[in-house]
Protein backbone atom coordinates (compact mmCIF):
# COMPACT_ATOMS: atom_id res chain seq x y z
CA MET A 1 59.95 181.23 97.37
CA LYS A 2 58.18 182.72 100.38
CA LYS A 3 58.88 186.37 101.18
CA VAL A 4 60.29 187.08 104.64
CA SER A 5 57.90 189.03 106.85
CA ALA A 6 58.62 192.68 107.64
CA SER A 7 58.82 191.87 111.33
CA ALA A 8 61.42 189.17 110.66
CA SER A 9 63.44 191.60 108.53
CA ASN A 10 63.41 194.17 111.32
CA LEU A 11 64.32 191.53 113.87
CA LYS A 12 67.20 190.44 111.66
CA GLU A 13 68.57 194.00 111.67
CA LEU A 14 68.42 194.20 115.48
CA ILE A 15 70.20 190.87 115.83
CA LYS A 16 72.74 191.83 113.14
CA HIS A 17 73.75 194.82 115.25
CA ALA A 18 74.44 192.51 118.21
CA ILE A 19 76.46 190.19 115.96
CA ASP A 20 78.46 193.07 114.47
CA ASP A 21 79.86 194.20 117.81
CA LEU A 22 79.70 190.70 119.41
CA GLU A 23 77.94 192.16 122.44
CA VAL A 24 74.36 192.58 123.53
CA THR A 25 73.34 194.89 126.33
CA PRO A 26 70.28 194.24 128.49
CA GLU A 27 68.47 197.02 126.59
CA GLU A 28 69.35 195.52 123.18
CA TYR A 29 68.28 192.06 124.36
CA LYS A 30 65.00 193.49 125.67
CA ASN A 31 64.40 195.31 122.37
CA ILE A 32 65.03 192.13 120.38
CA MET A 33 62.62 190.10 122.52
CA GLU A 34 59.96 192.81 122.51
CA HIS A 35 60.23 193.21 118.75
CA ALA A 36 59.86 189.46 118.27
CA HIS A 37 56.65 189.44 120.32
CA GLU A 38 55.13 192.80 119.36
CA ASP A 39 52.75 191.41 116.72
CA GLY A 40 51.62 188.60 119.03
CA HIS A 41 53.00 185.93 116.70
CA ILE A 42 56.48 184.53 116.19
CA ASP A 43 56.64 183.28 112.62
CA LYS A 44 59.04 180.64 111.34
CA GLU A 45 61.67 183.16 110.23
CA GLU A 46 61.59 184.95 113.58
CA GLN A 47 61.81 181.64 115.42
CA THR A 48 64.89 180.68 113.40
CA LEU A 49 66.55 184.05 114.01
CA LEU A 50 65.86 183.89 117.74
CA SER A 51 67.16 180.33 117.94
CA GLN A 52 70.40 181.29 116.18
CA PHE A 53 70.74 184.37 118.37
CA GLN A 54 70.26 182.35 121.57
CA SER A 55 72.75 179.76 120.32
CA MET A 56 75.35 182.45 119.70
CA ILE A 57 74.84 183.75 123.24
CA SER A 58 75.06 180.22 124.67
CA ASN A 59 78.27 179.34 122.86
CA GLY A 60 79.91 182.67 123.71
CA THR A 61 80.00 184.14 120.20
CA ILE A 62 77.89 187.05 121.47
CA LYS A 63 78.54 188.24 125.00
CA ARG A 64 75.81 189.65 127.22
CA VAL A 65 77.23 192.79 128.80
CA ARG A 66 75.97 195.35 131.26
CA GLY A 67 74.38 198.43 129.78
């Protein structure tokens, strides 16, 4: 079984925070996107996490709120 990258683990924690309170502020969203791109490569795990995150925003599970 392939080990999840450190950057994907950190990204997962940032997204988990947004899921826990069902809200994401512009600053949190920016941090998530910057973290995903900071190493210049979005690996498969990060891509999956970002896709699920975007889906949860699209279907209203997570609300984008003003900071």
